[in-house]
Amino acid sequence: MAHQDVTQRFAAFAQARWQRNARVQARAIRNGEIFHATGPLQWARDVGLRALGERLMDVPWLYGR
């Protein structure tokens, strides 16, 4: 395997990892806003969780299902 090929593969891996990390961080920020909400958003969250439960929380791209 040529040095350039290895370098390109590492660069592709780093880019894919960066994109996934950015997505995970964005999801964490969103979850923080949702799960620490008050008022009408808290009510809507609670209703949604009661109605949809696990389906609402399913994140296959994150947990690899």
PDB file of N, CA and C in Angstrom:
ATOM      1  N   MET A   1       0.842  -1.172   0.000  1.00  0.00           N
ATOM      2  CA  MET A   1       0.000   0.000   0.000  1.00  0.00           C
ATOM      3  C   MET A   1       0.894   1.244   0.000  1.00  0.00           C
ATOM      4  N   ALA A   2       0.643   2.141  -0.894  1.00  0.00           N
ATOM      5  CA  ALA A   2       1.459   3.348  -1.032  1.00  0.00           C
ATOM      6  C   ALA A   2       1.181   4.325   0.110  1.00  0.00           C
ATOM      7  N   HIS A   3       2.184   5.135   0.414  1.00  0.00           N
ATOM      8  CA  HIS A   3       2.063   6.127   1.486  1.00  0.00           C
ATOM      9  C   HIS A   3       0.883   7.060   1.238  1.00  0.00           C
ATOM     10  N   GLN A   4       0.717   7.490  -0.002  1.00  0.00           N
ATOM     11  CA  GLN A   4      -0.369   8.414  -0.339  1.00  0.00           C
ATOM     12  C   GLN A   4      -1.726   7.744  -0.089  1.00  0.00           C
ATOM     13  N   ASP A   5      -1.849   6.471  -0.423  1.00  0.00           N
ATOM     14  CA  ASP A   5      -3.098   5.746  -0.199  1.00  0.00           C
ATOM     15  C   ASP A   5      -3.432   5.694   1.289  1.00  0.00           C
ATOM     16  N   VAL A   6      -2.444   5.415   2.115  1.00  0.00           N
ATOM     17  CA  VAL A   6      -2.651   5.372   3.568  1.00  0.00           C
ATOM     18  C   VAL A   6      -3.063   6.751   4.073  1.00  0.00           C
ATOM     19  N   THR A   7      -2.406   7.782   3.607  1.00  0.00           N
ATOM     20  CA  THR A   7      -2.724   9.150   4.004  1.00  0.00           C
ATOM     21  C   THR A   7      -4.159   9.496   3.620  1.00  0.00           C
ATOM     22  N   GLN A   8      -4.559   9.129   2.427  1.00  0.00           N
ATOM     23  CA  GLN A   8      -5.924   9.403   1.979  1.00  0.00           C
ATOM     24  C   GLN A   8      -6.947   8.636   2.814  1.00  0.00           C
ATOM     25  N   ARG A   9      -6.639   7.406   3.147  1.00  0.00           N
ATOM     26  CA  ARG A   9      -7.556   6.607   3.968  1.00  0.00           C
ATOM     27  C   ARG A   9      -7.700   7.205   5.371  1.00  0.00           C
ATOM     28  N   PHE A  10      -6.587   7.636   5.956  1.00  0.00           N
ATOM     29  CA  PHE A  10      -6.655   8.282   7.264  1.00  0.00           C
ATOM     30  C   PHE A  10      -7.468   9.577   7.192  1.00  0.00           C
ATOM     31  N   ALA A  11      -7.285  10.336   6.140  1.00  0.00           N
ATOM     32  CA  ALA A  11      -8.035  11.583   5.979  1.00  0.00           C
ATOM     33  C   ALA A  11      -9.535  11.293   5.847  1.00  0.00           C
ATOM     34  N   ALA A  12      -9.897  10.282   5.094  1.00  0.00           N
ATOM     35  CA  ALA A  12     -11.310   9.913   4.930  1.00  0.00           C
ATOM     36  C   ALA A  12     -11.900   9.456   6.260  1.00  0.00           C
ATOM     37  N   PHE A  13     -11.143   8.654   7.010  1.00  0.00           N
ATOM     38  CA  PHE A  13     -11.597   8.197   8.318  1.00  0.00           C
ATOM     39  C   PHE A  13     -11.799   9.382   9.262  1.00  0.00           C
ATOM     40  N   ALA A  14     -10.835  10.294   9.279  1.00  0.00           N
ATOM     41  CA  ALA A  14     -10.922  11.460  10.159  1.00  0.00           C
ATOM     42  C   ALA A  14     -12.142  12.312   9.811  1.00  0.00           C
ATOM     43  N   GLN A  15     -12.415  12.483   8.541  1.00  0.00           N
ATOM     44  CA  GLN A  15     -13.576  13.277   8.117  1.00  0.00           C
ATOM     45  C   GLN A  15     -14.879  12.599   8.543  1.00  0.00           C
ATOM     46  N   ALA A  16     -14.978  11.289   8.336  1.00  0.00           N
ATOM     47  CA  ALA A  16     -16.184  10.557   8.732  1.00  0.00           C
ATOM     48  C   ALA A  16     -16.372  10.620  10.245  1.00  0.00           C
ATOM     49  N   ARG A  17     -15.302  10.465  10.977  1.00  0.00           N
ATOM     50  CA  ARG A  17     -15.380  10.522  12.444  1.00  0.00           C
ATOM     51  C   ARG A  17     -15.770  11.914  12.905  1.00  0.00           C
ATOM     52  N   TRP A  18     -15.222  12.946  12.295  1.00  0.00           N
ATOM     53  CA  TRP A  18     -15.562  14.315  12.671  1.00  0.00           C
ATOM     54  C   TRP A  18     -17.049  14.560  12.445  1.00  0.00           C
ATOM     55  N   GLN A  19     -17.569  14.116  11.310  1.00  0.00           N
ATOM     56  CA  GLN A  19     -18.989  14.321  11.003  1.00  0.00           C
ATOM     57  C   GLN A  19     -19.879  13.606  12.022  1.00  0.00           C
ATOM     58  N   ARG A  20     -19.526  12.381  12.369  1.00  0.00           N
ATOM     59  CA  ARG A  20     -20.317  11.633  13.348  1.00  0.00           C
ATOM     60  C   ARG A  20     -20.236  12.305  14.717  1.00  0.00           C
ATOM     61  N   ASN A  21     -19.046  12.732  15.110  1.00  0.00           N
ATOM     62  CA  ASN A  21     -18.901  13.414  16.400  1.00  0.00           C
ATOM     63  C   ASN A  21     -19.731  14.690  16.453  1.00  0.00           C
ATOM     64  N   ALA A  22     -19.746  15.433  15.369  1.00  0.00           N
ATOM     65  CA  ALA A  22     -20.550  16.656  15.317  1.00  0.00           C
ATOM     66  C   ALA A  22     -22.028  16.327  15.467  1.00  0.00           C
ATOM     67  N   ARG A  23     -22.464  15.252  14.841  1.00  0.00           N
ATOM     68  CA  ARG A  23     -23.864  14.833  14.939  1.00  0.00           C
ATOM     69  C   ARG A  23     -24.206  14.388  16.372  1.00  0.00           C
ATOM     70  N   VAL A  24     -23.318  13.650  17.009  1.00  0.00           N
ATOM     71  CA  VAL A  24     -23.531  13.202  18.386  1.00  0.00           C
ATOM     72  C   VAL A  24     -23.605  14.416  19.316  1.00  0.00           C
ATOM     73  N   GLN A  25     -22.722  15.377  19.143  1.00  0.00           N
ATOM     74  CA  GLN A  25     -22.725  16.567  19.993  1.00  0.00           C
ATOM     75  C   GLN A  25     -24.003  17.376  19.807  1.00  0.00           C
ATOM     76  N   ALA A  26     -24.441  17.511  18.560  1.00  0.00           N
ATOM     77  CA  ALA A  26     -25.684  18.242  18.292  1.00  0.00           C
ATOM     78  C   ALA A  26     -26.863  17.538  18.958  1.00  0.00           C
ATOM     79  N   ARG A  27     -26.879  16.218  18.901  1.00  0.00           N
ATOM     80  CA  ARG A  27     -27.953  15.443  19.536  1.00  0.00           C
ATOM     81  C   ARG A  27     -27.909  15.623  21.056  1.00  0.00           C
ATOM     82  N   ALA A  28     -26.730  15.638  21.636  1.00  0.00           N
ATOM     83  CA  ALA A  28     -26.588  15.817  23.086  1.00  0.00           C
ATOM     84  C   ALA A  28     -27.103  17.187  23.514  1.00  0.00           C
ATOM     85  N   ILE A  29     -26.788  18.203  22.753  1.00  0.00           N
ATOM     86  CA  ILE A  29     -27.269  19.553  23.064  1.00  0.00           C
ATOM     87  C   ILE A  29     -28.795  19.588  22.987  1.00  0.00           C
ATOM     88  N   ARG A  30     -29.332  19.000  21.934  1.00  0.00           N
ATOM     89  CA  ARG A  30     -30.787  18.947  21.767  1.00  0.00           C
ATOM     90  C   ARG A  30     -31.439  18.190  22.920  1.00  0.00           C
ATOM     91  N   ASN A  31     -30.879  17.043  23.281  1.00  0.00           N
ATOM     92  CA  ASN A  31     -31.428  16.268  24.396  1.00  0.00           C
ATOM     93  C   ASN A  31     -31.375  17.062  25.696  1.00  0.00           C
ATOM     94  N   GLY A  32     -30.294  17.799  25.918  1.00  0.00           N
ATOM     95  CA  GLY A  32     -30.191  18.624  27.114  1.00  0.00           C
ATOM     96  C   GLY A  32     -31.300  19.651  27.172  1.00  0.00           C
ATOM     97  N   GLU A  33     -31.600  20.274  26.048  1.00  0.00           N
ATOM     98  CA  GLU A  33     -32.675  21.263  25.997  1.00  0.00           C
ATOM     99  C   GLU A  33     -34.028  20.611  26.257  1.00  0.00           C
ATOM    100  N   ILE A  34     -34.230  19.436  25.682  1.00  0.00           N
ATOM    101  CA  ILE A  34     -35.510  18.739  25.829  1.00  0.00           C
ATOM    102  C   ILE A  34     -35.691  18.208  27.245  1.00  0.00           C
ATOM    103  N   PHE A  35     -34.693  17.528  27.770  1.00  0.00           N
ATOM    104  CA  PHE A  35     -34.854  16.858  29.059  1.00  0.00           C
ATOM    105  C   PHE A  35     -34.739  17.794  30.257  1.00  0.00           C
ATOM    106  N   HIS A  36     -34.306  19.015  30.036  1.00  0.00           N
ATOM    107  CA  HIS A  36     -34.257  19.995  31.114  1.00  0.00           C
ATOM    108  C   HIS A  36     -35.259  21.117  30.885  1.00  0.00           C
ATOM    109  N   ALA A  37     -36.221  20.863  30.021  1.00  0.00           N
ATOM    110  CA  ALA A  37     -37.218  21.870  29.663  1.00  0.00           C
ATOM    111  C   ALA A  37     -38.196  22.115  30.809  1.00  0.00           C
ATOM    112  N   THR A  38     -38.803  23.281  30.754  1.00  0.00           N
ATOM    113  CA  THR A  38     -39.862  23.629  31.696  1.00  0.00           C
ATOM    114  C   THR A  38     -41.040  24.167  30.894  1.00  0.00           C
ATOM    115  N   GLY A  39     -42.177  24.292  31.552  1.00  0.00           N
ATOM    116  CA  GLY A  39     -43.345  24.886  30.918  1.00  0.00           C
ATOM    117  C   GLY A  39     -43.945  24.017  29.835  1.00  0.00           C
ATOM    118  N   PRO A  40     -44.459  24.637  28.767  1.00  0.00           N
ATOM    119  CA  PRO A  40     -45.146  23.904  27.707  1.00  0.00           C
ATOM    120  C   PRO A  40     -44.264  22.842  27.025  1.00  0.00           C
ATOM    121  N   LEU A  41     -42.988  23.135  26.867  1.00  0.00           N
ATOM    122  CA  LEU A  41     -42.100  22.153  26.242  1.00  0.00           C
ATOM    123  C   LEU A  41     -41.950  20.918  27.134  1.00  0.00           C
ATOM    124  N   GLN A  42     -41.907  21.118  28.432  1.00  0.00           N
ATOM    125  CA  GLN A  42     -41.844  19.992  29.370  1.00  0.00           C
ATOM    126  C   GLN A  42     -43.104  19.137  29.246  1.00  0.00           C
ATOM    127  N   TRP A  43     -44.253  19.791  29.176  1.00  0.00           N
ATOM    128  CA  TRP A  43     -45.518  19.073  29.038  1.00  0.00           C
ATOM    129  C   TRP A  43     -45.536  18.268  27.738  1.00  0.00           C
ATOM    130  N   ALA A  44     -45.141  18.904  26.628  1.00  0.00           N
ATOM    131  CA  ALA A  44     -45.125  18.220  25.330  1.00  0.00           C
ATOM    132  C   ALA A  44     -44.163  17.035  25.347  1.00  0.00           C
ATOM    133  N   ARG A  45     -43.004  17.213  25.962  1.00  0.00           N
ATOM    134  CA  ARG A  45     -42.036  16.120  26.087  1.00  0.00           C
ATOM    135  C   ARG A  45     -42.637  14.947  26.841  1.00  0.00           C
ATOM    136  N   ASP A  46     -43.266  15.232  27.962  1.00  0.00           N
ATOM    137  CA  ASP A  46     -43.840  14.168  28.785  1.00  0.00           C
ATOM    138  C   ASP A  46     -44.950  13.423  28.048  1.00  0.00           C
ATOM    139  N   VAL A  47     -45.797  14.163  27.351  1.00  0.00           N
ATOM    140  CA  VAL A  47     -46.873  13.534  26.569  1.00  0.00           C
ATOM    141  C   VAL A  47     -46.280  12.661  25.468  1.00  0.00           C
ATOM    142  N   GLY A  48     -45.291  13.184  24.775  1.00  0.00           N
ATOM    143  CA  GLY A  48     -44.638  12.416  23.704  1.00  0.00           C
ATOM    144  C   GLY A  48     -43.985  11.147  24.208  1.00  0.00           C
ATOM    145  N   LEU A  49     -43.310  11.232  25.337  1.00  0.00           N
ATOM    146  CA  LEU A  49     -42.665  10.053  25.903  1.00  0.00           C
ATOM    147  C   LEU A  49     -43.685   9.017  26.357  1.00  0.00           C
ATOM    148  N   ARG A  50     -44.792   9.475  26.937  1.00  0.00           N
ATOM    149  CA  ARG A  50     -45.830   8.527  27.350  1.00  0.00           C
ATOM    150  C   ARG A  50     -46.451   7.846  26.139  1.00  0.00           C
ATOM    151  N   ALA A  51     -46.680   8.598  25.082  1.00  0.00           N
ATOM    152  CA  ALA A  51     -47.363   8.061  23.900  1.00  0.00           C
ATOM    153  C   ALA A  51     -46.456   7.173  23.054  1.00  0.00           C
ATOM    154  N   LEU A  52     -45.220   7.590  22.861  1.00  0.00           N
ATOM    155  CA  LEU A  52     -44.335   6.872  21.936  1.00  0.00           C
ATOM    156  C   LEU A  52     -43.228   6.100  22.624  1.00  0.00           C
ATOM    157  N   GLY A  53     -42.936   6.462  23.859  1.00  0.00           N
ATOM    158  CA  GLY A  53     -41.955   5.736  24.655  1.00  0.00           C
ATOM    159  C   GLY A  53     -40.644   5.467  23.947  1.00  0.00           C
ATOM    160  N   GLU A  54     -40.279   4.206  23.892  1.00  0.00           N
ATOM    161  CA  GLU A  54     -38.985   3.790  23.349  1.00  0.00           C
ATOM    162  C   GLU A  54     -38.806   4.191  21.882  1.00  0.00           C
ATOM    163  N   ARG A  55     -39.887   4.175  21.103  1.00  0.00           N
ATOM    164  CA  ARG A  55     -39.780   4.549  19.682  1.00  0.00           C
ATOM    165  C   ARG A  55     -39.287   5.979  19.513  1.00  0.00           C
ATOM    166  N   LEU A  56     -39.682   6.843  20.416  1.00  0.00           N
ATOM    167  CA  LEU A  56     -39.259   8.241  20.357  1.00  0.00           C
ATOM    168  C   LEU A  56     -37.774   8.382  20.644  1.00  0.00           C
ATOM    169  N   MET A  57     -37.245   7.498  21.480  1.00  0.00           N
ATOM    170  CA  MET A  57     -35.848   7.580  21.895  1.00  0.00           C
ATOM    171  C   MET A  57     -34.911   6.735  21.032  1.00  0.00           C
ATOM    172  N   ASP A  58     -35.453   5.978  20.089  1.00  0.00           N
ATOM    173  CA  ASP A  58     -34.634   5.100  19.270  1.00  0.00           C
ATOM    174  C   ASP A  58     -33.738   5.918  18.346  1.00  0.00           C
ATOM    175  N   VAL A  59     -32.449   5.668  18.414  1.00  0.00           N
ATOM    176  CA  VAL A  59     -31.479   6.384  17.590  1.00  0.00           C
ATOM    177  C   VAL A  59     -30.523   5.351  16.977  1.00  0.00           C
ATOM    178  N   PRO A  60     -30.975   4.615  15.951  1.00  0.00           N
ATOM    179  CA  PRO A  60     -30.153   3.532  15.410  1.00  0.00           C
ATOM    180  C   PRO A  60     -28.794   3.999  14.874  1.00  0.00           C
ATOM    181  N   TRP A  61     -28.723   5.183  14.303  1.00  0.00           N
ATOM    182  CA  TRP A  61     -27.441   5.657  13.771  1.00  0.00           C
ATOM    183  C   TRP A  61     -26.418   5.834  14.886  1.00  0.00           C
ATOM    184  N   LEU A  62     -26.900   6.096  16.105  1.00  0.00           N
ATOM    185  CA  LEU A  62     -25.997   6.323  17.230  1.00  0.00           C
ATOM    186  C   LEU A  62     -25.600   5.023  17.906  1.00  0.00           C
ATOM    187  N   TYR A  63     -26.567   4.144  18.081  1.00  0.00           N
ATOM    188  CA  TYR A  63     -26.309   2.922  18.835  1.00  0.00           C
ATOM    189  C   TYR A  63     -26.027   1.708  17.958  1.00  0.00           C
ATOM    190  N   GLY A  64     -26.038   1.900  16.645  1.00  0.00           N
ATOM    191  CA  GLY A  64     -25.616   0.849  15.722  1.00  0.00           C
ATOM    192  C   GLY A  64     -26.565  -0.313  15.552  1.00  0.00           C
ATOM    193  N   ARG A  65     -27.856  -0.063  15.705  1.00  0.00           N
ATOM    194  CA  ARG A  65     -28.817  -1.134  15.472  1.00  0.00           C
ATOM    195  C   ARG A  65     -29.263  -1.169  14.065  1.00  0.00           C
TER     196      ARG A  65
END
